[in-house]
Amino acid sequence: MNDGGQRAPPEPEERPPPRPPADSRRTAVFGLLIALLLVVLGLVLVKVLGDAGRLQDCVLSGRTNCAPIEVPPPQ
């Protein structure tokens, strides 16, 4: 059919309904747990390195009883 060179506007496509956004609370809680885990690991690392540094300071100062070994009493 000839309509004089004019085309009818295309039919609007049916789009699926938009998906709801991802649960932002779940993402925020997950991020908070990761941050908390990093803080705890950092504190453990600081304690371990601090203990090692104190032991090295003791040994380098010439002391001989820096890390005493506890022996259970004989039975």
PDB file of N, CA and C in Angstrom:
ATOM      1  N   MET A   1       0.823  -1.172   0.000  1.00  0.00           N
ATOM      2  CA  MET A   1       0.000   0.000   0.000  1.00  0.00           C
ATOM      3  C   MET A   1       0.869   1.237   0.000  1.00  0.00           C
ATOM      4  N   ASN A   2       0.473   2.166  -0.749  1.00  0.00           N
ATOM      5  CA  ASN A   2       1.215   3.405  -0.851  1.00  0.00           C
ATOM      6  C   ASN A   2       0.514   4.461  -0.006  1.00  0.00           C
ATOM      7  N   ASP A   3       1.252   4.977   0.980  1.00  0.00           N
ATOM      8  CA  ASP A   3       0.653   5.999   1.841  1.00  0.00           C
ATOM      9  C   ASP A   3       1.308   7.347   1.617  1.00  0.00           C
ATOM     10  N   GLY A   4       1.799   7.588   0.474  1.00  0.00           N
ATOM     11  CA  GLY A   4       2.359   8.876   0.120  1.00  0.00           C
ATOM     12  C   GLY A   4       3.773   9.085   0.662  1.00  0.00           C
ATOM     13  N   GLY A   5       4.518   8.024   0.935  1.00  0.00           N
ATOM     14  CA  GLY A   5       5.889   8.176   1.410  1.00  0.00           C
ATOM     15  C   GLY A   5       6.001   8.358   2.926  1.00  0.00           C
ATOM     16  N   GLN A   6       4.905   8.366   3.598  1.00  0.00           N
ATOM     17  CA  GLN A   6       4.964   8.510   5.063  1.00  0.00           C
ATOM     18  C   GLN A   6       4.764   7.150   5.705  1.00  0.00           C
ATOM     19  N   ARG A   7       5.522   6.939   6.722  1.00  0.00           N
ATOM     20  CA  ARG A   7       5.396   5.673   7.436  1.00  0.00           C
ATOM     21  C   ARG A   7       4.679   5.903   8.752  1.00  0.00           C
ATOM     22  N   ALA A   8       3.977   4.933   9.153  1.00  0.00           N
ATOM     23  CA  ALA A   8       3.320   5.005  10.462  1.00  0.00           C
ATOM     24  C   ALA A   8       4.368   4.813  11.545  1.00  0.00           C
ATOM     25  N   PRO A   9       4.197   5.459  12.666  1.00  0.00           N
ATOM     26  CA  PRO A   9       5.177   5.264  13.741  1.00  0.00           C
ATOM     27  C   PRO A   9       5.185   3.800  14.171  1.00  0.00           C
ATOM     28  N   PRO A  10       6.366   3.295  14.516  1.00  0.00           N
ATOM     29  CA  PRO A  10       6.446   1.882  14.900  1.00  0.00           C
ATOM     30  C   PRO A  10       5.650   1.641  16.179  1.00  0.00           C
ATOM     31  N   GLU A  11       5.154   0.440  16.259  1.00  0.00           N
ATOM     32  CA  GLU A  11       4.414   0.050  17.462  1.00  0.00           C
ATOM     33  C   GLU A  11       5.385   0.045  18.645  1.00  0.00           C
ATOM     34  N   PRO A  12       4.948   0.531  19.795  1.00  0.00           N
ATOM     35  CA  PRO A  12       5.857   0.474  20.956  1.00  0.00           C
ATOM     36  C   PRO A  12       6.109  -0.979  21.345  1.00  0.00           C
ATOM     37  N   GLU A  13       7.359  -1.267  21.608  1.00  0.00           N
ATOM     38  CA  GLU A  13       7.726  -2.629  21.983  1.00  0.00           C
ATOM     39  C   GLU A  13       7.250  -2.888  23.405  1.00  0.00           C
ATOM     40  N   GLU A  14       6.809  -4.089  23.608  1.00  0.00           N
ATOM     41  CA  GLU A  14       6.422  -4.439  24.968  1.00  0.00           C
ATOM     42  C   GLU A  14       7.688  -4.792  25.730  1.00  0.00           C
ATOM     43  N   ARG A  15       7.932  -4.070  26.760  1.00  0.00           N
ATOM     44  CA  ARG A  15       9.112  -4.313  27.583  1.00  0.00           C
ATOM     45  C   ARG A  15       8.703  -5.108  28.808  1.00  0.00           C
ATOM     46  N   PRO A  16       9.598  -5.977  29.235  1.00  0.00           N
ATOM     47  CA  PRO A  16       9.280  -6.698  30.477  1.00  0.00           C
ATOM     48  C   PRO A  16       9.283  -5.702  31.629  1.00  0.00           C
ATOM     49  N   PRO A  17       8.537  -5.993  32.664  1.00  0.00           N
ATOM     50  CA  PRO A  17       8.526  -5.060  33.793  1.00  0.00           C
ATOM     51  C   PRO A  17       9.927  -4.921  34.368  1.00  0.00           C
ATOM     52  N   PRO A  18      10.320  -3.731  34.820  1.00  0.00           N
ATOM     53  CA  PRO A  18      11.679  -3.545  35.354  1.00  0.00           C
ATOM     54  C   PRO A  18      11.879  -4.392  36.603  1.00  0.00           C
ATOM     55  N   ARG A  19      13.084  -4.926  36.698  1.00  0.00           N
ATOM     56  CA  ARG A  19      13.398  -5.734  37.872  1.00  0.00           C
ATOM     57  C   ARG A  19      13.586  -4.815  39.074  1.00  0.00           C
ATOM     58  N   PRO A  20      13.172  -5.266  40.242  1.00  0.00           N
ATOM     59  CA  PRO A  20      13.401  -4.441  41.423  1.00  0.00           C
ATOM     60  C   PRO A  20      14.898  -4.362  41.711  1.00  0.00           C
ATOM     61  N   PRO A  21      15.358  -3.279  42.274  1.00  0.00           N
ATOM     62  CA  PRO A  21      16.798  -3.161  42.562  1.00  0.00           C
ATOM     63  C   PRO A  21      17.227  -4.219  43.574  1.00  0.00           C
ATOM     64  N   ALA A  22      18.486  -4.572  43.493  1.00  0.00           N
ATOM     65  CA  ALA A  22      19.031  -5.557  44.433  1.00  0.00           C
ATOM     66  C   ALA A  22      18.866  -5.034  45.852  1.00  0.00           C
ATOM     67  N   ASP A  23      18.773  -5.961  46.767  1.00  0.00           N
ATOM     68  CA  ASP A  23      18.563  -5.588  48.162  1.00  0.00           C
ATOM     69  C   ASP A  23      19.781  -4.817  48.663  1.00  0.00           C
ATOM     70  N   SER A  24      19.646  -3.533  48.828  1.00  0.00           N
ATOM     71  CA  SER A  24      20.784  -2.710  49.224  1.00  0.00           C
ATOM     72  C   SER A  24      21.194  -2.996  50.667  1.00  0.00           C
ATOM     73  N   ARG A  25      20.268  -3.449  51.480  1.00  0.00           N
ATOM     74  CA  ARG A  25      20.641  -3.780  52.862  1.00  0.00           C
ATOM     75  C   ARG A  25      21.577  -4.966  52.896  1.00  0.00           C
ATOM     76  N   ARG A  26      21.289  -5.951  52.062  1.00  0.00           N
ATOM     77  CA  ARG A  26      22.145  -7.140  52.046  1.00  0.00           C
ATOM     78  C   ARG A  26      23.558  -6.752  51.619  1.00  0.00           C
ATOM     79  N   THR A  27      23.662  -5.911  50.624  1.00  0.00           N
ATOM     80  CA  THR A  27      24.970  -5.467  50.153  1.00  0.00           C
ATOM     81  C   THR A  27      25.688  -4.663  51.231  1.00  0.00           C
ATOM     82  N   ALA A  28      24.945  -3.805  51.923  1.00  0.00           N
ATOM     83  CA  ALA A  28      25.555  -2.989  52.972  1.00  0.00           C
ATOM     84  C   ALA A  28      26.028  -3.856  54.137  1.00  0.00           C
ATOM     85  N   VAL A  29      25.241  -4.846  54.512  1.00  0.00           N
ATOM     86  CA  VAL A  29      25.638  -5.739  55.617  1.00  0.00           C
ATOM     87  C   VAL A  29      26.859  -6.548  55.209  1.00  0.00           C
ATOM     88  N   PHE A  30      26.878  -7.004  53.969  1.00  0.00           N
ATOM     89  CA  PHE A  30      28.036  -7.754  53.476  1.00  0.00           C
ATOM     90  C   PHE A  30      29.297  -6.891  53.511  1.00  0.00           C
ATOM     91  N   GLY A  31      29.185  -5.658  53.072  1.00  0.00           N
ATOM     92  CA  GLY A  31      30.328  -4.742  53.119  1.00  0.00           C
ATOM     93  C   GLY A  31      30.770  -4.460  54.542  1.00  0.00           C
ATOM     94  N   LEU A  32      29.807  -4.312  55.452  1.00  0.00           N
ATOM     95  CA  LEU A  32      30.136  -4.064  56.856  1.00  0.00           C
ATOM     96  C   LEU A  32      30.861  -5.259  57.459  1.00  0.00           C
ATOM     97  N   LEU A  33      30.427  -6.474  57.123  1.00  0.00           N
ATOM     98  CA  LEU A  33      31.095  -7.675  57.636  1.00  0.00           C
ATOM     99  C   LEU A  33      32.527  -7.777  57.122  1.00  0.00           C
ATOM    100  N   ILE A  34      32.724  -7.434  55.874  1.00  0.00           N
ATOM    101  CA  ILE A  34      34.085  -7.467  55.323  1.00  0.00           C
ATOM    102  C   ILE A  34      34.964  -6.437  56.021  1.00  0.00           C
ATOM    103  N   ALA A  35      34.425  -5.236  56.234  1.00  0.00           N
ATOM    104  CA  ALA A  35      35.203  -4.200  56.919  1.00  0.00           C
ATOM    105  C   ALA A  35      35.524  -4.625  58.354  1.00  0.00           C
ATOM    106  N   LEU A  36      34.566  -5.235  59.035  1.00  0.00           N
ATOM    107  CA  LEU A  36      34.787  -5.694  60.407  1.00  0.00           C
ATOM    108  C   LEU A  36      35.842  -6.790  60.438  1.00  0.00           C
ATOM    109  N   LEU A  37      35.787  -7.691  59.480  1.00  0.00           N
ATOM    110  CA  LEU A  37      36.793  -8.751  59.402  1.00  0.00           C
ATOM    111  C   LEU A  37      38.187  -8.175  59.182  1.00  0.00           C
ATOM    112  N   LEU A  38      38.293  -7.173  58.327  1.00  0.00           N
ATOM    113  CA  LEU A  38      39.598  -6.545  58.090  1.00  0.00           C
ATOM    114  C   LEU A  38      40.121  -5.849  59.336  1.00  0.00           C
ATOM    115  N   VAL A  39      39.234  -5.209  60.098  1.00  0.00           N
ATOM    116  CA  VAL A  39      39.650  -4.541  61.332  1.00  0.00           C
ATOM    117  C   VAL A  39      40.152  -5.564  62.343  1.00  0.00           C
ATOM    118  N   VAL A  40      39.417  -6.681  62.505  1.00  0.00           N
ATOM    119  CA  VAL A  40      39.829  -7.717  63.456  1.00  0.00           C
ATOM    120  C   VAL A  40      41.167  -8.316  63.041  1.00  0.00           C
ATOM    121  N   LEU A  41      41.320  -8.615  61.757  1.00  0.00           N
ATOM    122  CA  LEU A  41      42.601  -9.156  61.283  1.00  0.00           C
ATOM    123  C   LEU A  41      43.738  -8.152  61.490  1.00  0.00           C
ATOM    124  N   GLY A  42      43.455  -6.883  61.297  1.00  0.00           N
ATOM    125  CA  GLY A  42      44.471  -5.856  61.537  1.00  0.00           C
ATOM    126  C   GLY A  42      44.889  -5.797  62.999  1.00  0.00           C
ATOM    127  N   LEU A  43      43.916  -5.896  63.910  1.00  0.00           N
ATOM    128  CA  LEU A  43      44.241  -5.879  65.341  1.00  0.00           C
ATOM    129  C   LEU A  43      45.058  -7.101  65.748  1.00  0.00           C
ATOM    130  N   VAL A  44      44.712  -8.269  65.198  1.00  0.00           N
ATOM    131  CA  VAL A  44      45.486  -9.484  65.494  1.00  0.00           C
ATOM    132  C   VAL A  44      46.907  -9.325  64.973  1.00  0.00           C
ATOM    133  N   LEU A  45      47.040  -8.780  63.783  1.00  0.00           N
ATOM    134  CA  LEU A  45      48.371  -8.580  63.210  1.00  0.00           C
ATOM    135  C   LEU A  45      49.200  -7.610  64.051  1.00  0.00           C
ATOM    136  N   VAL A  46      48.575  -6.540  64.535  1.00  0.00           N
ATOM    137  CA  VAL A  46      49.290  -5.579  65.387  1.00  0.00           C
ATOM    138  C   VAL A  46      49.767  -6.248  66.666  1.00  0.00           C
ATOM    139  N   LYS A  47      48.918  -7.096  67.273  1.00  0.00           N
ATOM    140  CA  LYS A  47      49.302  -7.779  68.507  1.00  0.00           C
ATOM    141  C   LYS A  47      50.451  -8.745  68.272  1.00  0.00           C
ATOM    142  N   VAL A  48      50.365  -9.539  67.201  1.00  0.00           N
ATOM    143  CA  VAL A  48      51.427 -10.514  66.910  1.00  0.00           C
ATOM    144  C   VAL A  48      52.747  -9.805  66.636  1.00  0.00           C
ATOM    145  N   LEU A  49      52.693  -8.756  65.816  1.00  0.00           N
ATOM    146  CA  LEU A  49      53.939  -8.037  65.509  1.00  0.00           C
ATOM    147  C   LEU A  49      54.482  -7.310  66.736  1.00  0.00           C
ATOM    148  N   GLY A  50      53.593  -6.810  67.591  1.00  0.00           N
ATOM    149  CA  GLY A  50      54.047  -6.158  68.824  1.00  0.00           C
ATOM    150  C   GLY A  50      54.745  -7.130  69.753  1.00  0.00           C
ATOM    151  N   ASP A  51      54.175  -8.332  69.898  1.00  0.00           N
ATOM    152  CA  ASP A  51      54.812  -9.355  70.742  1.00  0.00           C
ATOM    153  C   ASP A  51      56.182  -9.746  70.191  1.00  0.00           C
ATOM    154  N   ALA A  52      56.265  -9.917  68.877  1.00  0.00           N
ATOM    155  CA  ALA A  52      57.544 -10.276  68.256  1.00  0.00           C
ATOM    156  C   ALA A  52      58.564  -9.157  68.442  1.00  0.00           C
ATOM    157  N   GLY A  53      58.123  -7.914  68.336  1.00  0.00           N
ATOM    158  CA  GLY A  53      59.034  -6.778  68.528  1.00  0.00           C
ATOM    159  C   GLY A  53      59.547  -6.699  69.956  1.00  0.00           C
ATOM    160  N   ARG A  54      58.660  -6.938  70.942  1.00  0.00           N
ATOM    161  CA  ARG A  54      59.102  -6.926  72.338  1.00  0.00           C
ATOM    162  C   ARG A  54      60.102  -8.038  72.619  1.00  0.00           C
ATOM    163  N   LEU A  55      59.873  -9.224  72.027  1.00  0.00           N
ATOM    164  CA  LEU A  55      60.807 -10.334  72.203  1.00  0.00           C
ATOM    165  C   LEU A  55      62.158  -9.997  71.573  1.00  0.00           C
ATOM    166  N   GLN A  56      62.159  -9.405  70.411  1.00  0.00           N
ATOM    167  CA  GLN A  56      63.419  -9.023  69.768  1.00  0.00           C
ATOM    168  C   GLN A  56      64.140  -7.958  70.576  1.00  0.00           C
ATOM    169  N   ASP A  57      63.411  -6.975  71.118  1.00  0.00           N
ATOM    170  CA  ASP A  57      64.039  -5.949  71.938  1.00  0.00           C
ATOM    171  C   ASP A  57      64.695  -6.567  73.162  1.00  0.00           C
ATOM    172  N   CYS A  58      64.016  -7.541  73.765  1.00  0.00           N
ATOM    173  CA  CYS A  58      64.549  -8.203  74.950  1.00  0.00           C
ATOM    174  C   CYS A  58      65.831  -8.963  74.604  1.00  0.00           C
ATOM    175  N   VAL A  59      65.787  -9.722  73.516  1.00  0.00           N
ATOM    176  CA  VAL A  59      66.955 -10.522  73.128  1.00  0.00           C
ATOM    177  C   VAL A  59      68.120  -9.612  72.746  1.00  0.00           C
ATOM    178  N   LEU A  60      67.835  -8.544  72.011  1.00  0.00           N
ATOM    179  CA  LEU A  60      68.916  -7.658  71.570  1.00  0.00           C
ATOM    180  C   LEU A  60      69.520  -6.855  72.717  1.00  0.00           C
ATOM    181  N   SER A  61      68.788  -6.743  73.826  1.00  0.00           N
ATOM    182  CA  SER A  61      69.367  -6.030  74.965  1.00  0.00           C
ATOM    183  C   SER A  61      70.255  -6.945  75.804  1.00  0.00           C
ATOM    184  N   GLY A  62      70.355  -8.208  75.451  1.00  0.00           N
ATOM    185  CA  GLY A  62      71.280  -9.121  76.113  1.00  0.00           C
ATOM    186  C   GLY A  62      70.650  -9.926  77.234  1.00  0.00           C
ATOM    187  N   ARG A  63      69.388  -9.852  77.412  1.00  0.00           N
ATOM    188  CA  ARG A  63      68.745 -10.628  78.474  1.00  0.00           C
ATOM    189  C   ARG A  63      68.669 -12.094  78.057  1.00  0.00           C
ATOM    190  N   THR A  64      68.626 -12.970  79.079  1.00  0.00           N
ATOM    191  CA  THR A  64      68.591 -14.397  78.785  1.00  0.00           C
ATOM    192  C   THR A  64      67.249 -15.035  79.116  1.00  0.00           C
ATOM    193  N   ASN A  65      66.352 -14.326  79.793  1.00  0.00           N
ATOM    194  CA  ASN A  65      65.081 -14.909  80.201  1.00  0.00           C
ATOM    195  C   ASN A  65      63.928 -14.167  79.506  1.00  0.00           C
ATOM    196  N   CYS A  66      64.020 -14.018  78.207  1.00  0.00           N
ATOM    197  CA  CYS A  66      63.022 -13.229  77.471  1.00  0.00           C
ATOM    198  C   CYS A  66      61.726 -13.991  77.267  1.00  0.00           C
ATOM    199  N   ALA A  67      61.819 -15.280  77.011  1.00  0.00           N
ATOM    200  CA  ALA A  67      60.625 -16.093  76.783  1.00  0.00           C
ATOM    201  C   ALA A  67      60.743 -17.337  77.653  1.00  0.00           C
ATOM    202  N   PRO A  68      60.398 -17.186  78.920  1.00  0.00           N
ATOM    203  CA  PRO A  68      60.558 -18.345  79.821  1.00  0.00           C
ATOM    204  C   PRO A  68      59.626 -19.484  79.411  1.00  0.00           C
ATOM    205  N   ILE A  69      60.134 -20.688  79.594  1.00  0.00           N
ATOM    206  CA  ILE A  69      59.357 -21.879  79.286  1.00  0.00           C
ATOM    207  C   ILE A  69      58.806 -22.405  80.593  1.00  0.00           C
ATOM    208  N   GLU A  70      57.491 -22.535  80.661  1.00  0.00           N
ATOM    209  CA  GLU A  70      56.890 -23.051  81.888  1.00  0.00           C
ATOM    210  C   GLU A  70      56.879 -24.559  81.832  1.00  0.00           C
ATOM    211  N   VAL A  71      57.476 -25.153  82.861  1.00  0.00           N
ATOM    212  CA  VAL A  71      57.552 -26.605  82.953  1.00  0.00           C
ATOM    213  C   VAL A  71      56.607 -27.041  84.056  1.00  0.00           C
ATOM    214  N   PRO A  72      55.744 -28.012  83.792  1.00  0.00           N
ATOM    215  CA  PRO A  72      54.839 -28.469  84.855  1.00  0.00           C
ATOM    216  C   PRO A  72      55.653 -29.137  85.984  1.00  0.00           C
ATOM    217  N   PRO A  73      55.151 -29.002  87.195  1.00  0.00           N
ATOM    218  CA  PRO A  73      55.887 -29.615  88.320  1.00  0.00           C
ATOM    219  C   PRO A  73      55.912 -31.141  88.185  1.00  0.00           C
ATOM    220  N   PRO A  74      57.000 -31.754  88.652  1.00  0.00           N
ATOM    221  CA  PRO A  74      57.094 -33.216  88.568  1.00  0.00           C
ATOM    222  C   PRO A  74      56.015 -33.878  89.440  1.00  0.00           C
ATOM    223  N   GLN A  75      55.576 -35.030  89.022  1.00  0.00           N
ATOM    224  CA  GLN A  75      54.535 -35.718  89.795  1.00  0.00           C
ATOM    225  C   GLN A  75      55.083 -36.823  90.631  1.00  0.00           C
TER     226      GLN A  75
END
